[in-house]
């Protein structure tokens, strides 16, 4: 089963700019925890398991609930509060819960 995680970050940019930058910047960090960007919404990015061989592994990862959602909320002063929630394989949990793993890509700071 996937193990849940939650990380909160702050960025000095507006939510729209922060989301656009995060969509590109999170490619490598998300891949490191076994996820890829699948959907862009208003104030939200959605990640699902990487497509790989064997395909049954991808199916298993979807069934166990591996996923990630990144939400962007405005804060006073034009800054953005970023909340990363999701669930990953137990072996990737320590990496996913490390705020530095995500802030290094964004040049943000942990809350």
PDB file of N, CA and C in Angstrom:
ATOM      1  N   UNK A   1       0.833  -1.192   0.000  1.00  0.00           N
ATOM      2  CA  UNK A   1       0.000   0.000   0.000  1.00  0.00           C
ATOM      3  C   UNK A   1       0.875   1.252   0.000  1.00  0.00           C
ATOM      4  N   UNK A   2       0.347   2.300  -0.583  1.00  0.00           N
ATOM      5  CA  UNK A   2       1.047   3.579  -0.632  1.00  0.00           C
ATOM      6  C   UNK A   2       0.990   4.246   0.742  1.00  0.00           C
ATOM      7  N   UNK A   3       2.039   4.996   1.054  1.00  0.00           N
ATOM      8  CA  UNK A   3       2.139   5.696   2.321  1.00  0.00           C
ATOM      9  C   UNK A   3       1.924   7.192   2.084  1.00  0.00           C
ATOM     10  N   UNK A   4       1.020   7.791   2.856  1.00  0.00           N
ATOM     11  CA  UNK A   4       0.649   9.198   2.661  1.00  0.00           C
ATOM     12  C   UNK A   4       1.746  10.145   3.138  1.00  0.00           C
ATOM     13  N   UNK A   5       1.793  11.318   2.490  1.00  0.00           N
ATOM     14  CA  UNK A   5       2.719  12.360   2.903  1.00  0.00           C
ATOM     15  C   UNK A   5       2.102  13.727   2.667  1.00  0.00           C
ATOM     16  N   UNK A   6       2.652  14.744   3.345  1.00  0.00           N
ATOM     17  CA  UNK A   6       2.173  16.111   3.225  1.00  0.00           C
ATOM     18  C   UNK A   6       3.367  17.042   3.441  1.00  0.00           C
ATOM     19  N   UNK A   7       3.600  17.953   2.513  1.00  0.00           N
ATOM     20  CA  UNK A   7       4.688  18.929   2.608  1.00  0.00           C
ATOM     21  C   UNK A   7       4.115  20.299   2.282  1.00  0.00           C
ATOM     22  N   UNK A   8       4.500  21.316   3.061  1.00  0.00           N
ATOM     23  CA  UNK A   8       4.039  22.671   2.809  1.00  0.00           C
ATOM     24  C   UNK A   8       5.234  23.566   2.531  1.00  0.00           C
ATOM     25  N   UNK A   9       5.096  24.404   1.493  1.00  0.00           N
ATOM     26  CA  UNK A   9       6.152  25.307   1.066  1.00  0.00           C
ATOM     27  C   UNK A   9       5.575  26.699   0.876  1.00  0.00           C
ATOM     28  N   UNK A  10       6.465  27.686   0.789  1.00  0.00           N
ATOM     29  CA  UNK A  10       6.018  29.040   0.445  1.00  0.00           C
ATOM     30  C   UNK A  10       6.907  29.567  -0.665  1.00  0.00           C
ATOM     31  N   UNK A  11       6.290  30.357  -1.537  1.00  0.00           N
ATOM     32  CA  UNK A  11       7.005  30.974  -2.655  1.00  0.00           C
ATOM     33  C   UNK A  11       6.654  32.453  -2.688  1.00  0.00           C
ATOM     34  N   UNK A  12       7.582  33.266  -3.162  1.00  0.00           N
ATOM     35  CA  UNK A  12       7.363  34.710  -3.192  1.00  0.00           C
ATOM     36  C   UNK A  12       6.584  35.166  -4.423  1.00  0.00           C
ATOM     37  N   UNK A  13       6.287  34.256  -5.351  1.00  0.00           N
ATOM     38  CA  UNK A  13       5.583  34.597  -6.593  1.00  0.00           C
ATOM     39  C   UNK A  13       4.072  34.478  -6.425  1.00  0.00           C
ATOM     40  N   UNK A  14       3.355  34.991  -7.406  1.00  0.00           N
ATOM     41  CA  UNK A  14       1.896  34.856  -7.412  1.00  0.00           C
ATOM     42  C   UNK A  14       1.546  33.388  -7.676  1.00  0.00           C
ATOM     43  N   UNK A  15       0.354  32.950  -7.284  1.00  0.00           N
ATOM     44  CA  UNK A  15      -0.027  31.551  -7.494  1.00  0.00           C
ATOM     45  C   UNK A  15       0.065  31.078  -8.945  1.00  0.00           C
ATOM     46  N   UNK A  16      -0.337  31.914  -9.900  1.00  0.00           N
ATOM     47  CA  UNK A  16      -0.276  31.517 -11.313  1.00  0.00           C
ATOM     48  C   UNK A  16       1.157  31.292 -11.774  1.00  0.00           C
ATOM     49  N   UNK A  17       2.032  32.222 -11.422  1.00  0.00           N
ATOM     50  CA  UNK A  17       3.445  32.085 -11.803  1.00  0.00           C
ATOM     51  C   UNK A  17       4.093  30.909 -11.081  1.00  0.00           C
ATOM     52  N   UNK A  18       3.750  30.732  -9.814  1.00  0.00           N
ATOM     53  CA  UNK A  18       4.314  29.625  -9.037  1.00  0.00           C
ATOM     54  C   UNK A  18       3.890  28.282  -9.633  1.00  0.00           C
ATOM     55  N   UNK A  19       2.632  28.186 -10.042  1.00  0.00           N
ATOM     56  CA  UNK A  19       2.143  26.950 -10.638  1.00  0.00           C
ATOM     57  C   UNK A  19       2.822  26.668 -11.965  1.00  0.00           C
ATOM     58  N   UNK A  20       2.981  27.685 -12.788  1.00  0.00           N
ATOM     59  CA  UNK A  20       3.629  27.494 -14.088  1.00  0.00           C
ATOM     60  C   UNK A  20       5.077  27.052 -13.905  1.00  0.00           C
ATOM     61  N   UNK A  21       5.767  27.646 -12.941  1.00  0.00           N
ATOM     62  CA  UNK A  21       7.161  27.275 -12.704  1.00  0.00           C
ATOM     63  C   UNK A  21       7.255  25.869 -12.100  1.00  0.00           C
ATOM     64  N   UNK A  22       6.352  25.545 -11.182  1.00  0.00           N
ATOM     65  CA  UNK A  22       6.376  24.234 -10.538  1.00  0.00           C
ATOM     66  C   UNK A  22       6.087  23.106 -11.524  1.00  0.00           C
ATOM     67  N   UNK A  23       5.226  23.357 -12.499  1.00  0.00           N
ATOM     68  CA  UNK A  23       4.903  22.325 -13.494  1.00  0.00           C
ATOM     69  C   UNK A  23       6.172  21.846 -14.199  1.00  0.00           C
ATOM     70  N   UNK A  24       7.086  22.762 -14.478  1.00  0.00           N
ATOM     71  CA  UNK A  24       8.357  22.388 -15.112  1.00  0.00           C
ATOM     72  C   UNK A  24       9.380  21.914 -14.093  1.00  0.00           C
ATOM     73  N   UNK A  25       9.473  22.620 -12.976  1.00  0.00           N
ATOM     74  CA  UNK A  25      10.508  22.332 -11.979  1.00  0.00           C
ATOM     75  C   UNK A  25      10.306  20.999 -11.264  1.00  0.00           C
ATOM     76  N   UNK A  26       9.065  20.542 -11.154  1.00  0.00           N
ATOM     77  CA  UNK A  26       8.798  19.299 -10.423  1.00  0.00           C
ATOM     78  C   UNK A  26       8.955  18.045 -11.280  1.00  0.00           C
ATOM     79  N   UNK A  27       9.350  18.173 -12.525  1.00  0.00           N
ATOM     80  CA  UNK A  27       9.495  17.007 -13.387  1.00  0.00           C
ATOM     81  C   UNK A  27      10.470  15.995 -12.788  1.00  0.00           C
ATOM     82  N   UNK A  28      11.662  16.425 -12.448  1.00  0.00           N
ATOM     83  CA  UNK A  28      12.671  15.513 -11.890  1.00  0.00           C
ATOM     84  C   UNK A  28      12.340  15.047 -10.471  1.00  0.00           C
ATOM     85  N   UNK A  29      11.948  15.944  -9.543  1.00  0.00           N
ATOM     86  CA  UNK A  29      11.615  15.476  -8.196  1.00  0.00           C
ATOM     87  C   UNK A  29      10.428  14.506  -8.175  1.00  0.00           C
ATOM     88  N   UNK A  30       9.424  14.766  -9.011  1.00  0.00           N
ATOM     89  CA  UNK A  30       8.272  13.865  -9.059  1.00  0.00           C
ATOM     90  C   UNK A  30       8.681  12.513  -9.640  1.00  0.00           C
ATOM     91  N   UNK A  31       9.510  12.537 -10.657  1.00  0.00           N
ATOM     92  CA  UNK A  31       9.993  11.294 -11.253  1.00  0.00           C
ATOM     93  C   UNK A  31      10.801  10.474 -10.247  1.00  0.00           C
ATOM     94  N   UNK A  32      11.541  11.167  -9.388  1.00  0.00           N
ATOM     95  CA  UNK A  32      12.345  10.476  -8.374  1.00  0.00           C
ATOM     96  C   UNK A  32      11.482   9.708  -7.376  1.00  0.00           C
ATOM     97  N   UNK A  33      10.245  10.150  -7.168  1.00  0.00           N
ATOM     98  CA  UNK A  33       9.336   9.420  -6.283  1.00  0.00           C
ATOM     99  C   UNK A  33       8.355   8.556  -7.067  1.00  0.00           C
ATOM    100  N   UNK A  34       8.579   8.458  -8.390  1.00  0.00           N
ATOM    101  CA  UNK A  34       7.784   7.561  -9.226  1.00  0.00           C
ATOM    102  C   UNK A  34       6.511   8.130  -9.799  1.00  0.00           C
ATOM    103  N   UNK A  35       6.434   9.467  -9.935  1.00  0.00           N
ATOM    104  CA  UNK A  35       5.206  10.095 -10.419  1.00  0.00           C
ATOM    105  C   UNK A  35       5.488  11.002 -11.607  1.00  0.00           C
ATOM    106  N   UNK A  36       4.426  11.321 -12.365  1.00  0.00           N
ATOM    107  CA  UNK A  36       4.525  12.234 -13.503  1.00  0.00           C
ATOM    108  C   UNK A  36       3.286  13.112 -13.532  1.00  0.00           C
ATOM    109  N   UNK A  37       3.436  14.312 -14.093  1.00  0.00           N
ATOM    110  CA  UNK A  37       2.330  15.256 -14.204  1.00  0.00           C
ATOM    111  C   UNK A  37       1.299  14.725 -15.194  1.00  0.00           C
ATOM    112  N   UNK A  38       0.039  14.654 -14.756  1.00  0.00           N
ATOM    113  CA  UNK A  38      -1.015  14.157 -15.634  1.00  0.00           C
ATOM    114  C   UNK A  38      -2.127  15.173 -15.875  1.00  0.00           C
ATOM    115  N   UNK A  39      -2.237  16.176 -14.991  1.00  0.00           N
ATOM    116  CA  UNK A  39      -3.345  17.126 -15.151  1.00  0.00           C
ATOM    117  C   UNK A  39      -2.974  18.480 -14.539  1.00  0.00           C
ATOM    118  N   UNK A  40      -3.316  19.531 -15.260  1.00  0.00           N
ATOM    119  CA  UNK A  40      -3.145  20.895 -14.768  1.00  0.00           C
ATOM    120  C   UNK A  40      -4.520  21.508 -14.615  1.00  0.00           C
ATOM    121  N   UNK A  41      -4.823  21.996 -13.435  1.00  0.00           N
ATOM    122  CA  UNK A  41      -6.101  22.648 -13.186  1.00  0.00           C
ATOM    123  C   UNK A  41      -5.864  24.035 -12.620  1.00  0.00           C
ATOM    124  N   UNK A  42      -6.936  24.733 -12.312  1.00  0.00           N
ATOM    125  CA  UNK A  42      -6.821  26.060 -11.722  1.00  0.00           C
ATOM    126  C   UNK A  42      -6.293  25.930 -10.294  1.00  0.00           C
ATOM    127  N   UNK A  43      -5.059  26.365 -10.086  1.00  0.00           N
ATOM    128  CA  UNK A  43      -4.458  26.311  -8.754  1.00  0.00           C
ATOM    129  C   UNK A  43      -4.059  24.925  -8.299  1.00  0.00           C
ATOM    130  N   UNK A  44      -3.920  23.973  -9.232  1.00  0.00           N
ATOM    131  CA  UNK A  44      -3.640  22.593  -8.830  1.00  0.00           C
ATOM    132  C   UNK A  44      -2.935  21.807  -9.934  1.00  0.00           C
ATOM    133  N   UNK A  45      -1.981  20.985  -9.526  1.00  0.00           N
ATOM    134  CA  UNK A  45      -1.313  20.039 -10.422  1.00  0.00           C
ATOM    135  C   UNK A  45      -1.557  18.638  -9.875  1.00  0.00           C
ATOM    136  N   UNK A  46      -1.827  17.688 -10.755  1.00  0.00           N
ATOM    137  CA  UNK A  46      -2.092  16.313 -10.342  1.00  0.00           C
ATOM    138  C   UNK A  46      -1.045  15.387 -10.953  1.00  0.00           C
ATOM    139  N   UNK A  47      -0.514  14.496 -10.133  1.00  0.00           N
ATOM    140  CA  UNK A  47       0.518  13.556 -10.561  1.00  0.00           C
ATOM    141  C   UNK A  47       0.038  12.128 -10.323  1.00  0.00           C
ATOM    142  N   UNK A  48       0.407  11.237 -11.244  1.00  0.00           N
ATOM    143  CA  UNK A  48       0.075   9.805 -11.167  1.00  0.00           C
ATOM    144  C   UNK A  48       1.347   9.004 -11.419  1.00  0.00           C
ATOM    145  N   UNK A  49       1.310   7.692 -11.215  1.00  0.00           N
ATOM    146  CA  UNK A  49       2.510   6.863 -11.430  1.00  0.00           C
ATOM    147  C   UNK A  49       3.053   6.939 -12.852  1.00  0.00           C
ATOM    148  N   UNK A  50       4.369   6.835 -12.949  1.00  0.00           N
ATOM    149  CA  UNK A  50       5.051   6.802 -14.240  1.00  0.00           C
ATOM    150  C   UNK A  50       4.603   5.589 -15.041  1.00  0.00           C
ATOM    151  N   UNK A  51       4.479   5.757 -16.336  1.00  0.00           N
ATOM    152  CA  UNK A  51       4.172   4.629 -17.206  1.00  0.00           C
ATOM    153  C   UNK A  51       5.496   3.921 -17.487  1.00  0.00           C
ATOM    154  N   UNK A  52       5.548   2.654 -17.187  1.00  0.00           N
ATOM    155  CA  UNK A  52       6.779   1.883 -17.357  1.00  0.00           C
ATOM    156  C   UNK A  52       6.452   0.428 -17.635  1.00  0.00           C
ATOM    157  N   UNK A  53       7.466  -0.324 -17.922  1.00  0.00           N
ATOM    158  CA  UNK A  53       7.315  -1.741 -18.188  1.00  0.00           C
ATOM    159  C   UNK A  53       7.705  -2.510 -16.950  1.00  0.00           C
ATOM    160  N   UNK A  54       7.051  -3.495 -16.493  1.00  0.00           N
ATOM    161  CA  UNK A  54       5.814  -4.069 -17.039  1.00  0.00           C
ATOM    162  C   UNK A  54       4.601  -3.225 -16.657  1.00  0.00           C
ATOM    163  N   UNK A  55       3.642  -3.205 -17.553  1.00  0.00           N
ATOM    164  CA  UNK A  55       2.463  -2.385 -17.357  1.00  0.00           C
ATOM    165  C   UNK A  55       1.673  -2.796 -16.114  1.00  0.00           C
ATOM    166  N   UNK A  56       1.754  -4.053 -15.725  1.00  0.00           N
ATOM    167  CA  UNK A  56       1.052  -4.501 -14.515  1.00  0.00           C
ATOM    168  C   UNK A  56       1.555  -3.772 -13.280  1.00  0.00           C
ATOM    169  N   UNK A  57       2.816  -3.374 -13.291  1.00  0.00           N
ATOM    170  CA  UNK A  57       3.362  -2.607 -12.178  1.00  0.00           C
ATOM    171  C   UNK A  57       2.670  -1.248 -12.080  1.00  0.00           C
ATOM    172  N   UNK A  58       2.433  -0.606 -13.209  1.00  0.00           N
ATOM    173  CA  UNK A  58       1.725   0.672 -13.230  1.00  0.00           C
ATOM    174  C   UNK A  58       0.304   0.487 -12.701  1.00  0.00           C
ATOM    175  N   UNK A  59      -0.347  -0.553 -13.138  1.00  0.00           N
ATOM    176  CA  UNK A  59      -1.697  -0.850 -12.664  1.00  0.00           C
ATOM    177  C   UNK A  59      -1.701  -1.059 -11.153  1.00  0.00           C
ATOM    178  N   UNK A  60      -0.742  -1.807 -10.657  1.00  0.00           N
ATOM    179  CA  UNK A  60      -0.645  -2.059  -9.219  1.00  0.00           C
ATOM    180  C   UNK A  60      -0.447  -0.743  -8.458  1.00  0.00           C
ATOM    181  N   UNK A  61       0.412   0.123  -8.952  1.00  0.00           N
ATOM    182  CA  UNK A  61       0.684   1.387  -8.282  1.00  0.00           C
ATOM    183  C   UNK A  61      -0.554   2.279  -8.274  1.00  0.00           C
ATOM    184  N   UNK A  62      -1.341   2.235  -9.328  1.00  0.00           N
ATOM    185  CA  UNK A  62      -2.601   2.987  -9.349  1.00  0.00           C
ATOM    186  C   UNK A  62      -3.596   2.413  -8.350  1.00  0.00           C
ATOM    187  N   UNK A  63      -3.690   1.105  -8.284  1.00  0.00           N
ATOM    188  CA  UNK A  63      -4.622   0.456  -7.362  1.00  0.00           C
ATOM    189  C   UNK A  63      -4.260   0.684  -5.904  1.00  0.00           C
ATOM    190  N   UNK A  64      -2.967   0.789  -5.603  1.00  0.00           N
ATOM    191  CA  UNK A  64      -2.561   1.011  -4.211  1.00  0.00           C
ATOM    192  C   UNK A  64      -2.672   2.473  -3.797  1.00  0.00           C
ATOM    193  N   UNK A  65      -2.961   3.360  -4.750  1.00  0.00           N
ATOM    194  CA  UNK A  65      -3.237   4.756  -4.409  1.00  0.00           C
ATOM    195  C   UNK A  65      -2.068   5.703  -4.519  1.00  0.00           C
ATOM    196  N   UNK A  66      -1.052   5.362  -5.294  1.00  0.00           N
ATOM    197  CA  UNK A  66       0.067   6.276  -5.469  1.00  0.00           C
ATOM    198  C   UNK A  66      -0.377   7.452  -6.333  1.00  0.00           C
ATOM    199  N   UNK A  67      -0.226   8.657  -5.787  1.00  0.00           N
ATOM    200  CA  UNK A  67      -0.618   9.877  -6.489  1.00  0.00           C
ATOM    201  C   UNK A  67      -0.093  11.073  -5.714  1.00  0.00           C
ATOM    202  N   UNK A  68      -0.192  12.250  -6.309  1.00  0.00           N
ATOM    203  CA  UNK A  68       0.234  13.472  -5.634  1.00  0.00           C
ATOM    204  C   UNK A  68      -0.548  14.642  -6.199  1.00  0.00           C
ATOM    205  N   UNK A  69      -0.929  15.563  -5.328  1.00  0.00           N
ATOM    206  CA  UNK A  69      -1.615  16.788  -5.723  1.00  0.00           C
ATOM    207  C   UNK A  69      -0.840  17.968  -5.149  1.00  0.00           C
ATOM    208  N   UNK A  70      -0.599  18.960  -5.975  1.00  0.00           N
ATOM    209  CA  UNK A  70       0.092  20.177  -5.553  1.00  0.00           C
ATOM    210  C   UNK A  70      -0.907  21.327  -5.690  1.00  0.00           C
ATOM    211  N   UNK A  71      -1.198  22.012  -4.573  1.00  0.00           N
ATOM    212  CA  UNK A  71      -2.159  23.121  -4.588  1.00  0.00           C
ATOM    213  C   UNK A  71      -1.442  24.431  -4.313  1.00  0.00           C
ATOM    214  N   UNK A  72      -1.887  25.484  -4.987  1.00  0.00           N
ATOM    215  CA  UNK A  72      -1.290  26.807  -4.898  1.00  0.00           C
ATOM    216  C   UNK A  72      -2.347  27.777  -4.394  1.00  0.00           C
ATOM    217  N   UNK A  73      -2.094  28.379  -3.218  1.00  0.00           N
ATOM    218  CA  UNK A  73      -3.053  29.306  -2.624  1.00  0.00           C
ATOM    219  C   UNK A  73      -2.379  30.647  -2.364  1.00  0.00           C
ATOM    220  N   UNK A  74      -3.066  31.754  -2.681  1.00  0.00           N
ATOM    221  CA  UNK A  74      -2.470  33.074  -2.454  1.00  0.00           C
ATOM    222  C   UNK A  74      -2.360  33.389  -0.965  1.00  0.00           C
ATOM    223  N   UNK A  75      -1.317  34.151  -0.649  1.00  0.00           N
ATOM    224  CA  UNK A  75      -1.069  34.617   0.709  1.00  0.00           C
ATOM    225  C   UNK A  75      -0.874  36.124   0.632  1.00  0.00           C
ATOM    226  N   UNK A  76      -1.081  36.817   1.725  1.00  0.00           N
ATOM    227  CA  UNK A  76      -0.914  38.267   1.754  1.00  0.00           C
ATOM    228  C   UNK A  76       0.464  38.665   1.223  1.00  0.00           C
ATOM    229  N   UNK A  77       0.505  39.749   0.490  1.00  0.00           N
ATOM    230  CA  UNK A  77       1.760  40.254  -0.048  1.00  0.00           C
ATOM    231  C   UNK A  77       2.124  39.668  -1.398  1.00  0.00           C
ATOM    232  N   UNK A  78       1.209  38.957  -2.031  1.00  0.00           N
ATOM    233  CA  UNK A  78       1.461  38.405  -3.362  1.00  0.00           C
ATOM    234  C   UNK A  78       2.232  37.100  -3.363  1.00  0.00           C
ATOM    235  N   UNK A  79       2.454  36.517  -2.202  1.00  0.00           N
ATOM    236  CA  UNK A  79       3.178  35.243  -2.109  1.00  0.00           C
ATOM    237  C   UNK A  79       2.209  34.078  -2.325  1.00  0.00           C
ATOM    238  N   UNK A  80       2.759  32.873  -2.331  1.00  0.00           N
ATOM    239  CA  UNK A  80       1.959  31.673  -2.565  1.00  0.00           C
ATOM    240  C   UNK A  80       2.285  30.607  -1.531  1.00  0.00           C
ATOM    241  N   UNK A  81       1.238  29.977  -1.011  1.00  0.00           N
ATOM    242  CA  UNK A  81       1.383  28.830  -0.111  1.00  0.00           C
ATOM    243  C   UNK A  81       1.175  27.576  -0.967  1.00  0.00           C
ATOM    244  N   UNK A  82       2.166  26.691  -0.981  1.00  0.00           N
ATOM    245  CA  UNK A  82       2.111  25.482  -1.802  1.00  0.00           C
ATOM    246  C   UNK A  82       1.949  24.279  -0.877  1.00  0.00           C
ATOM    247  N   UNK A  83       0.930  23.470  -1.126  1.00  0.00           N
ATOM    248  CA  UNK A  83       0.691  22.265  -0.346  1.00  0.00           C
ATOM    249  C   UNK A  83       0.825  21.050  -1.256  1.00  0.00           C
ATOM    250  N   UNK A  84       1.732  20.165  -0.885  1.00  0.00           N
ATOM    251  CA  UNK A  84       1.952  18.935  -1.651  1.00  0.00           C
ATOM    252  C   UNK A  84       1.446  17.779  -0.806  1.00  0.00           C
ATOM    253  N   UNK A  85       0.408  17.094  -1.286  1.00  0.00           N
ATOM    254  CA  UNK A  85      -0.132  15.940  -0.578  1.00  0.00           C
ATOM    255  C   UNK A  85      -0.188  14.754  -1.526  1.00  0.00           C
ATOM    256  N   UNK A  86      -0.119  13.584  -0.966  1.00  0.00           N
ATOM    257  CA  UNK A  86      -0.210  12.401  -1.801  1.00  0.00           C
ATOM    258  C   UNK A  86       0.175  11.149  -1.063  1.00  0.00           C
ATOM    259  N   UNK A  87       0.458  10.124  -1.837  1.00  0.00           N
ATOM    260  CA  UNK A  87       0.871   8.838  -1.291  1.00  0.00           C
ATOM    261  C   UNK A  87       1.825   8.203  -2.298  1.00  0.00           C
ATOM    262  N   UNK A  88       2.906   7.644  -1.785  1.00  0.00           N
ATOM    263  CA  UNK A  88       3.911   6.999  -2.623  1.00  0.00           C
ATOM    264  C   UNK A  88       4.293   5.657  -2.018  1.00  0.00           C
ATOM    265  N   UNK A  89       5.058   4.880  -2.773  1.00  0.00           N
ATOM    266  CA  UNK A  89       5.537   3.596  -2.278  1.00  0.00           C
ATOM    267  C   UNK A  89       6.374   3.821  -1.021  1.00  0.00           C
ATOM    268  N   UNK A  90       6.342   2.864  -0.124  1.00  0.00           N
ATOM    269  CA  UNK A  90       7.058   2.980   1.139  1.00  0.00           C
ATOM    270  C   UNK A  90       8.541   3.303   0.933  1.00  0.00           C
ATOM    271  N   UNK A  91       9.147   2.743  -0.095  1.00  0.00           N
ATOM    272  CA  UNK A  91      10.566   2.973  -0.368  1.00  0.00           C
ATOM    273  C   UNK A  91      10.854   4.422  -0.764  1.00  0.00           C
ATOM    274  N   UNK A  92       9.867   5.135  -1.278  1.00  0.00           N
ATOM    275  CA  UNK A  92      10.036   6.520  -1.717  1.00  0.00           C
ATOM    276  C   UNK A  92       9.497   7.534  -0.715  1.00  0.00           C
ATOM    277  N   UNK A  93       8.917   7.066   0.378  1.00  0.00           N
ATOM    278  CA  UNK A  93       8.259   7.937   1.347  1.00  0.00           C
ATOM    279  C   UNK A  93       9.213   8.940   1.986  1.00  0.00           C
ATOM    280  N   UNK A  94      10.390   8.510   2.382  1.00  0.00           N
ATOM    281  CA  UNK A  94      11.351   9.400   3.028  1.00  0.00           C
ATOM    282  C   UNK A  94      11.736  10.553   2.096  1.00  0.00           C
ATOM    283  N   UNK A  95      11.953  10.258   0.844  1.00  0.00           N
ATOM    284  CA  UNK A  95      12.285  11.289  -0.136  1.00  0.00           C
ATOM    285  C   UNK A  95      11.109  12.242  -0.347  1.00  0.00           C
ATOM    286  N   UNK A  96       9.908  11.710  -0.449  1.00  0.00           N
ATOM    287  CA  UNK A  96       8.724  12.538  -0.695  1.00  0.00           C
ATOM    288  C   UNK A  96       8.428  13.479   0.475  1.00  0.00           C
ATOM    289  N   UNK A  97       8.732  13.087   1.694  1.00  0.00           N
ATOM    290  CA  UNK A  97       8.446  13.924   2.863  1.00  0.00           C
ATOM    291  C   UNK A  97       9.536  14.944   3.141  1.00  0.00           C
ATOM    292  N   UNK A  98      10.635  14.895   2.422  1.00  0.00           N
ATOM    293  CA  UNK A  98      11.742  15.830   2.612  1.00  0.00           C
ATOM    294  C   UNK A  98      11.419  17.156   1.927  1.00  0.00           C
ATOM    295  N   UNK A  99      11.187  18.235   2.690  1.00  0.00           N
ATOM    296  CA  UNK A  99      10.877  19.527   2.057  1.00  0.00           C
ATOM    297  C   UNK A  99      11.989  19.999   1.126  1.00  0.00           C
ATOM    298  N   UNK A 100      13.229  19.684   1.432  1.00  0.00           N
ATOM    299  CA  UNK A 100      14.348  20.085   0.595  1.00  0.00           C
ATOM    300  C   UNK A 100      14.289  19.482  -0.795  1.00  0.00           C
ATOM    301  N   UNK A 101      13.728  18.295  -0.894  1.00  0.00           N
ATOM    302  CA  UNK A 101      13.578  17.640  -2.201  1.00  0.00           C
ATOM    303  C   UNK A 101      12.745  18.509  -3.133  1.00  0.00           C
ATOM    304  N   UNK A 102      11.735  19.161  -2.592  1.00  0.00           N
ATOM    305  CA  UNK A 102      10.831  19.989  -3.396  1.00  0.00           C
ATOM    306  C   UNK A 102      11.307  21.429  -3.487  1.00  0.00           C
ATOM    307  N   UNK A 103      11.833  22.005  -2.395  1.00  0.00           N
ATOM    308  CA  UNK A 103      12.259  23.397  -2.423  1.00  0.00           C
ATOM    309  C   UNK A 103      13.487  23.623  -3.293  1.00  0.00           C
ATOM    310  N   UNK A 104      14.351  22.622  -3.417  1.00  0.00           N
ATOM    311  CA  UNK A 104      15.514  22.772  -4.283  1.00  0.00           C
ATOM    312  C   UNK A 104      15.096  23.042  -5.728  1.00  0.00           C
ATOM    313  N   UNK A 105      14.026  22.418  -6.159  1.00  0.00           N
ATOM    314  CA  UNK A 105      13.546  22.608  -7.526  1.00  0.00           C
ATOM    315  C   UNK A 105      12.867  23.966  -7.720  1.00  0.00           C
ATOM    316  N   UNK A 106      12.238  24.476  -6.671  1.00  0.00           N
ATOM    317  CA  UNK A 106      11.464  25.714  -6.781  1.00  0.00           C
ATOM    318  C   UNK A 106      12.172  26.960  -6.273  1.00  0.00           C
ATOM    319  N   UNK A 107      13.251  26.795  -5.566  1.00  0.00           N
ATOM    320  CA  UNK A 107      13.883  27.917  -4.861  1.00  0.00           C
ATOM    321  C   UNK A 107      12.904  28.556  -3.892  1.00  0.00           C
ATOM    322  N   UNK A 108      12.075  27.724  -3.284  1.00  0.00           N
ATOM    323  CA  UNK A 108      11.115  28.186  -2.279  1.00  0.00           C
ATOM    324  C   UNK A 108      11.653  27.888  -0.899  1.00  0.00           C
ATOM    325  N   UNK A 109      10.786  27.967   0.092  1.00  0.00           N
ATOM    326  CA  UNK A 109      11.203  27.640   1.449  1.00  0.00           C
ATOM    327  C   UNK A 109      10.117  26.804   2.110  1.00  0.00           C
ATOM    328  N   UNK A 110      10.540  25.947   3.038  1.00  0.00           N
ATOM    329  CA  UNK A 110       9.597  25.099   3.760  1.00  0.00           C
ATOM    330  C   UNK A 110       8.837  25.942   4.773  1.00  0.00           C
ATOM    331  N   UNK A 111       7.583  25.595   4.987  1.00  0.00           N
ATOM    332  CA  UNK A 111       6.760  26.311   5.961  1.00  0.00           C
ATOM    333  C   UNK A 111       6.932  25.655   7.308  1.00  0.00           C
TER     334      UNK A 111
END
